[in-house]
C-alpha atoms as a PDB file:
ATOM      1  CA  MET A   1       5.495 -15.883 -25.095  1.00  0.00           C
ATOM      2  CA  GLN A   2       5.509 -19.143 -25.008  1.00  0.00           C
ATOM      3  CA  GLU A   3       4.682 -22.560 -23.092  1.00  0.00           C
ATOM      4  CA  PHE A   4       4.622 -26.228 -23.056  1.00  0.00           C
ATOM      5  CA  THR A   5       1.665 -28.426 -22.769  1.00  0.00           C
ATOM      6  CA  THR A   6       1.842 -31.959 -20.815  1.00  0.00           C
ATOM      7  CA  SER A   7       1.750 -33.725 -23.957  1.00  0.00           C
ATOM      8  CA  GLY A   8       4.883 -31.082 -25.245  1.00  0.00           C
ATOM      9  CA  ALA A   9       3.137 -29.044 -27.677  1.00  0.00           C
ATOM     10  CA  ARG A  10       4.292 -25.621 -27.725  1.00  0.00           C
ATOM     11  CA  HIS A  11       1.493 -22.787 -27.725  1.00  0.00           C
ATOM     12  CA  GLU A  12       2.880 -19.000 -28.594  1.00  0.00           C
ATOM     13  CA  TRP A  13       1.158 -16.119 -27.854  1.00  0.00           C
ATOM     14  CA  GLU A  14       1.541 -12.214 -27.912  1.00  0.00           C
ATOM     15  CA  LEU A  15       1.576  -9.480 -24.986  1.00  0.00           C
ATOM     16  CA  PHE A  16       0.748  -6.174 -25.747  1.00  0.00           C
ATOM     17  CA  ALA A  17       0.392  -3.653 -22.655  1.00  0.00           C
ATOM     18  CA  ARG A  18       0.546  -0.055 -22.322  1.00  0.00           C
ATOM     19  CA  LYS A  19       1.665   1.182 -18.707  1.00  0.00           C
ATOM     20  CA  ASP A  20       1.691   4.918 -17.528  1.00  0.00           C
ATOM     21  CA  TRP A  21       4.970   4.334 -14.853  1.00  0.00           C
ATOM     22  CA  LEU A  22       5.662   6.276 -12.050  1.00  0.00           C
ATOM     23  CA  ASP A  23       9.139   7.455 -11.662  1.00  0.00           C
ATOM     24  CA  ASP A  24       9.039   5.990  -8.308  1.00  0.00           C
ATOM     25  CA  SER A  25       7.979   2.462  -9.814  1.00  0.00           C
ATOM     26  CA  MET A  26      10.244   2.652 -12.778  1.00  0.00           C
ATOM     27  CA  LEU A  27      12.760   0.188 -11.223  1.00  0.00           C
ATOM     28  CA  HIS A  28       9.930  -2.557 -11.143  1.00  0.00           C
ATOM     29  CA  LEU A  29      10.348  -2.670 -14.848  1.00  0.00           C
ATOM     30  CA  ASP A  30      13.607  -4.708 -14.554  1.00  0.00           C
ATOM     31  CA  GLY A  31      11.810  -7.394 -12.490  1.00  0.00           C
ATOM     32  CA  LEU A  32       9.031  -7.467 -15.042  1.00  0.00           C
ATOM     33  CA  LEU A  33      11.463  -8.235 -17.911  1.00  0.00           C
ATOM     34  CA  ALA A  34      13.351 -10.556 -16.141  1.00  0.00           C
ATOM     35  CA  LEU A  35      10.289 -12.654 -15.166  1.00  0.00           C
ATOM     36  CA  LEU A  36       9.177 -12.617 -19.002  1.00  0.00           C
ATOM     37  CA  ALA A  37      12.236 -12.855 -20.833  1.00  0.00           C
ATOM     38  CA  PRO A  38      13.051 -16.771 -20.139  1.00  0.00           C
ATOM     39  CA  HIS A  39       9.283 -17.159 -21.886  1.00  0.00           C
ATOM     40  CA  VAL A  40      10.054 -15.384 -25.242  1.00  0.00           C
ATOM     41  CA  ALA A  41       9.484 -17.341 -27.704  1.00  0.00           C
ATOM     42  CA  ARG A  42      11.287 -15.334 -30.348  1.00  0.00           C
ATOM     43  CA  SER A  43      14.551 -12.974 -30.105  1.00  0.00           C
ATOM     44  CA  GLY A  44      13.896  -9.183 -30.978  1.00  0.00           C
ATOM     45  CA  TYR A  45      12.309  -5.898 -30.648  1.00  0.00           C
ATOM     46  CA  GLY A  46      10.419  -6.146 -26.944  1.00  0.00           C
ATOM     47  CA  GLY A  47       9.240  -2.698 -26.523  1.00  0.00           C
ATOM     48  CA  HIS A  48      10.175   0.745 -25.768  1.00  0.00           C
ATOM     49  CA  PHE A  49       9.513   3.177 -23.069  1.00  0.00           C
ATOM     50  CA  ARG A  50       9.826   7.024 -23.323  1.00  0.00           C
ATOM     51  CA  ASP A  51       9.289  10.077 -20.748  1.00  0.00           C
ATOM     52  CA  VAL A  52       5.949  11.362 -20.438  1.00  0.00           C
ATOM     53  CA  TYR A  53       6.878  14.578 -22.242  1.00  0.00           C
ATOM     54  CA  GLY A  54       9.713  13.304 -24.193  1.00  0.00           C
ATOM     55  CA  THR A  55       9.968  12.438 -27.565  1.00  0.00           C
ATOM     56  CA  ALA A  56      13.259  10.077 -27.285  1.00  0.00           C
ATOM     57  CA  VAL A  57      12.806   6.007 -27.038  1.00  0.00           C
ATOM     58  CA  THR A  58      14.875   3.836 -25.275  1.00  0.00           C
ATOM     59  CA  VAL A  59      14.282   0.011 -26.576  1.00  0.00           C
ATOM     60  CA  PHE A  60      14.537  -3.140 -25.267  1.00  0.00           C
ATOM     61  CA  THR A  61      14.961  -6.537 -27.205  1.00  0.00           C
ATOM     62  CA  PHE A  62      14.952 -10.093 -25.684  1.00  0.00           C
ATOM     63  CA  ARG A  63      17.596 -12.506 -26.647  1.00  0.00           C
ATOM     64  CA  ASP A  64      18.430 -15.987 -25.564  1.00  0.00           C
ATOM     65  CA  GLY A  65      16.146 -16.235 -22.358  1.00  0.00           C
ATOM     66  CA  THR A  66      17.177 -12.622 -21.059  1.00  0.00           C
ATOM     67  CA  TYR A  67      16.539  -9.021 -22.157  1.00  0.00           C
ATOM     68  CA  GLU A  68      18.820  -6.121 -23.156  1.00  0.00           C
ATOM     69  CA  PRO A  69      20.077  -4.337 -20.468  1.00  0.00           C
ATOM     70  CA  ILE A  70      18.610  -1.053 -20.169  1.00  0.00           C
ATOM     71  CA  ASP A  71      19.127   1.969 -18.062  1.00  0.00           C
ATOM     72  CA  VAL A  72      16.263   3.464 -16.297  1.00  0.00           C
ATOM     73  CA  TRP A  73      17.849   6.557 -15.211  1.00  0.00           C
END
């Protein structure tokens, strides 16, 4: 994530989170990623999600102020 100070200096910080999303709330992930994407400092890996009992993961990436579209269902 990046933020600019009033003097124009750019600060970068990282955000790590683990969340147990209920199926009904999974669509909120799309909104959260849309809010975060414009502030991501470097393009690349954003994270992943998987079913609680599954082994396959779905990876999402950030690039140019947006994120790679993900299919939640």
